Amino acid sequence: MTDKRRLTATNLAAFQHFGCDLYLHNTYHGVPEATHNPHVVARLDTAQLLFKRGMDWEITLFTWLEKAGLLLRMPSAPLDSELFIEGILADDRLHFFIAGITFWPPQSELDRRFSDNDVNPIHFGLAKPDLIEIQRKDNKIFWRVIDAKASKQAKALHYIQIYFYAICLHYLLKRSPCQPSKSVAVWLPPQGEGTRCLPSLSDIKDISIATLASVLDKVIFREIPLAIGLPIERVNWHYGPSCRGCPYEGDCKIRTQEQGELGCIPNLAKDDVRILKTFAHLIKDNNLHSTSTTTTGPITDIEELSTLLKLPRVLQQTSELSPTIVEIVQQLLGYPRVGVLGTNEFTSSSAVVEAAKGRRVELIPRINYTCPFREDVAITISVIHDISSTRSSGAYFCTSVHSKTVGLLRQPVIFSEGKDFVANFAGLIRRFQDNIPHRSFQVYTWSTNEKSLLEKTLINTVSNRDDIQDTGLCIGTLLEGTALLSTDFQPLLFPEIFLQIITKEGKSKAYYVEFLSRLGISTDGDTDALRARLQFAIRRLQKENGYTKYRNAWEPPVIIPLKEVVERQLAFPIPGYWDLPSCSSMLLSSTLTCPSDDEILVNYKTPSTRKTCQEQLQHRNNIIYSVLNCLRALAVTKNGKSLLVNEAPPLSTKPTLICKEAAIRKLFFMQEMEVLSKLHELQKSRMNKYNAYPNIRYLGTVQGLINIEHAFVLLSDVFDIAPNDVFYNFLLVRLSRKDTPMEIPPEILFDDVTFAGLVVPLNGYGMSKWEEQHPRVKRAISFARICHLETNGDGYTTLRLCLSGAAELVEGETYRLTPRLVDFNTRKTLSSLLDIDISWTTSLSDFGSPHRQVPFLQLVHDVESFGNAAAFKEYTQIGSNLQKIYEVPKYLKNDQAADLTLKTSQYNAAQHIFANRLSIVWGPPGIESRLSNFWLLTNFQMRTKGRGRPTRSVCLFYVYWRLIIIIRAFDEALYS
C-alpha cells in the first residue's frame, strides 16, 4: 500500500457517483486498485471514450469562445494570485472567460474548517477548473467557477467538484479587488442530434453557492474526514449497482461473497439494504423470533435474513408493526402480494434470498404477463450507444430473426447505421407482410436502455426522413401504444368522434372530401352525396366495433426488454448487479460466452475491428434468444404449467389516424397517449398486485343522506385519497383464500376503455356493455365511489362506499380497491381537434401564415400578436431569482425544497408566462394538477407587491389536450 494522502476534486466527484465511503478511504490511503475487475481492459477503453467526449466538448467550447473574443488563456502553472489579478485588471473586456488555471488548495484555511468541525484535516492535490468567468458590473469585478461537462444535464457529482474549486479560490483571492459570484455553474453541450450545434451562453447551468454550502460543507469538512480516519474494517460500504466502474469493484465483489453480505442479492441499493436491516431489527427487537432460531456461531447477513423469513407468520406479525416496511421488503425480495394480512398465508421463503444463500438460480413463482410463452417469429435487436457522442439515439443496430417453426421465411442478419435503421427495418416488415402476414411476432431487446434508444431513433427520424411511409410503418410496428390505438382505442372512439363532427352545420364540400379521403372512401359526388356516404361509413363502423375482449393492456408490449423480464422471474446468485454475459453464464452452456457491451463498443469505434463488432452483435442476439428459451423452460410450476400466460400477437402495422397540421397532430397523438399511459399504469399495478390503495374489511350497510352506503374499515396505515361526490373511480374486488400468485386478478380482465366515458350507475347502453364483459368481471367486481372517510379515537379509519355491480358483500370479509380509468373528455377533445385539423387543411385563406386564420391555431402559432409589456422583462428576472432560491440538487434529499423547485419544462413555462400577456404552454399529462407553476406565479406576485399592480395576464396551458385559461384573478387577494 502506498501512502497517497491526497484527494482531488475529481475524487470528490467519483465519491458522489459511487456513494461509497470505502472508495474515498482506499483512494486517500493509496490502496492499489483491484486487478481482477470484470472486463477491465474493455472498461479502460470505454473510459477513454468518455474522456475523449469530454475533451472534444472542451476543445469545441474553447474554440468557440476564442473566436467570439471571450477567452483568455493563462500559463499552465500553479496560480500566483497577484499575477492572476494583474491579468484580469489589464483586460478591459466586460465579460470573458479564463482557461488554463491550476492551483494548490489553501491548506491552512481548509485545516481551520476541519478543526471547526472537530475532525482531523485531510489534504488535497492540485486543482484544475476548466473556466473562470469574469464580469464587470457597477464598477466591480466578479469571478465565477465554471466547469465544462459533456453531459445531458448537471449532476450531483459536478456540484461537489465546482463547489470545492469555489471554496479554494475564495480563500486564494480574498485579498484581491475581485469579488466572488454568488453561484457556480457547469457548461453543458447544446441539446441536439447534429454536430452543427454551437455552444451557447444559455447552456450555462448555475446553482447558488449558499444552496450547495448548506449540504456540502458538512460532507467535505466532516463526513469525508471521519470516513477516511476510520480503520478499514469499520468503513461503511455496500457492493451494489452503483459500484460498476469503481477501481476497487473486484475486491468488494469477492469480499461480499466471502462474508455473506446483503450485497449478494443483486440490484440492491444502499437504501434497500437499510430497509432490510430495519426489517431484521424489527423482528429481533420485538421478539418475533424463537430461541430455537438463535445460533451460537457466526452467521452472515444473508443466512440471518433467510432464517428470519422462514419463521411462522413473521411477515404477518411484522406487518402489524410496520406495513410499509413489509410492503417494501416483499417487493425487494420477490414476494408476490398474496391475499391480505391475517387471512392468507405468505410464502415461507424468498427465492431471491435463497438464491443468494445457496448460490443457485431460483424461480420466483409469479405470473408473467409481459413475456409470451411462444411466438412464430422472434426479432432480437441489439443497439450500440456511442458514449463518445452526445446523441441520445442509437448509433448502430443489429437485427436478427429467429423461429422454431420449420419452413418460415428466413432472413439474414441486418446491420444498420442509425440513419439507415428505419429503411432497413421497414423492408423487413414488408417481407413479413407479403409472405407470413398472420403469424405471431415479438420484438426483443436486452435492456430498457436499448429499447429507449430504438424508440428515440424512430421519433428523431420522423422529422429527418423524406420517406414518411417507412417511418409510419416502423412507428406503427415498434412504438409502444400505436397498436392499441389502431386496433382497440381509435375504432371504439371514432364513430362518436365522427358523429360529433358531422352533426355540425355549415360544412363545405371540401370539408367532406378531406374527411372521406382520410378514411379511404370515395370522394365523388356533390355535398349531399358526400355527407350521406360519411353517415353510412359511421354506421358501418358502429356495427363493426362491437365488443371484443380488451386484451391489449395486459398483452406483451411491442418491444420487450428481456433483462427486465428475467429479473422479475429468476433470482440469480450474482452479487451487486448482473448483465447479459453473467446471466448467460448462469443459464447457458459455458461454451456460449457473451461479449460485454464495453467490448462491442470498443470494436465498433475501431475501424479495423468493425467486422469483429458485427460478429459479436450477431452472437449477442443469438444469446438473447437462447436466454429467452431458457427462461421459458424454467418459468413453470411444479405441475408443469407455464407462468408465462400470453401468446405473442400477429404483426400489427395498421396505421393510426394522424392529423396533418403539426401542432394539432401533436395534441391529438398526445391526448391518445395520455389515456394509454394511464391504462398501462393501471394494468401494471393490477398485474403486480402492488396497489397504492388499501385492503378493506366489510362492516355492513348504513343509510346515507341519499343512497345506501356500505361501511368498511381500512387494513393499512397508508391511504392518501379524498371522498368523491361524482365519479365511481374505483373497482371493488373481493379477496379470496384462493387468491394466489398463480391466479389472474379479475381486474385485469376489466375493460377500462369501454366504461371510461360511461355514467355509473349504468344506463341501458352501459348494461349492454356490462353483459359483454368477462364472466369473472361480472361475478367479482363492482364500481365504487368513496362517500365518506372518518378516523375514530382508536386510530381506525372507516370509509363508506356507494357501489354498483355484482361483487358479493359478506360481513367480515376482505376486499381491495383498485382505481379505474374515468375519462369523459377524450371523445369531445379528439373530435374538436380533428375538426380543426380538417378546417385548417381545407382553409382557402392566408396560406402564408401557419394558422391560416383558424382561431385556435392562431393562439398556438402567433402568441406575440396578443401583445406584451416592457415590465415583463423585470418579471422574468424575478421569476429566475425565485427558482434559484429553491434550486436544490436531487441528492440533497430535501423533499420540501424539491417540491418548490420547478423542473426545466415548468421553469421555461413560468418564464414564458412572465414574459407575455398571453402564454401558450405545452406540458406533460397531469401538469394541471401540479401547483408548481401556480406557486411560482403567486410567490412572484408577492415579491412584486408594493411595486404597483402587475399587468393582468392570461395563461393558456395546453396540457396535451387540455386548454386551461388562467386569469390572474388572485391579484385581489394578494393586494387587498
Foldseek 3Di string as FASTA:
>chain_A
DAQQQAAELLQLLLCVLLVFLLLLLCVRRVPDFDPPDPPVVLLVVVVVLLVLLQVVQLVQQQVVQVVVVAEDEDPQDADDLVVVLVVVVVDPDQKHKYANYKHAFPQVVLQVLLVVQVFGDTGHDMYHFGIWIWHDDPNAIEIETEHEDAAPDDAPSVVSSRLVVVVRVCVVCVPPRYHYDQKYWYAYADPDQDPPGGGDPVRTGIFGSVQCCVPVSCVPNPVSRVSNPDDSVPHDGAFAQSCVPRSHNVVVQVVCLVQVEPLLQYHADPVNSVLLVVLLCLCVVVVVDDPVLDDDDDDHPLRSSQSQLQRFLSLLVVCVVPVVSSLSVCVSQLWFDFFDRPPAGGDSGGQQSCCQVVQAKGWRAFFDLADALDFQKEKEKEFADSSSDSHLATAKIWIAIDGPDPPDDHDDIDIDGLLCPLVVVLVVVVVCCVGPQFTFYAYEYAAPSNLVNHVVSLVVVCVVDPPVVSSLQCCCQRPWPNLCQQPPQVLVQVLLLLVVQLVDPDDALLLLLVVQVLVVHDSDDHSVVSSVVSVVVSVVSVVVPDDDFPDPLRHHTSYYNVNVVCVSTMHGSRGHHDGLQVLLCNQHDPVLGADDSSVLSSLCVDVVNVVVSNVNRVSSRVSSVVSVVSSSVNQADPVGHHSHDHHGGGRGRDGHRAFDQVVLRQLLVQLSVVLVVVSNVLLVCLSSVPAQFFKWAWAAWDQDPDHIKTKIWTPHPDDDDDFDPADLFKKKFFRDNPRDSSDRDVVNRDDQSVCQQAGPVGDPVRVVVVVVGDPVCQATIWRWGWHDWDADPVRIIMTIIDIGGHHDHDHGTMITIGGGHHDNCSSVLNSVSNSLSSCQVPQPADPVASNRPSVVVCVVRPVCVVDWDPCLVVLLVLLVVQLSVLDHHPVVVPVVSVLQHDDPLLSVQLSQQSGGLEEEHEAEPPPVVRCNSVVSVVVSQLVCPPVDHDDWGWYFYPDSRDTDIDTPPCSVVNHD
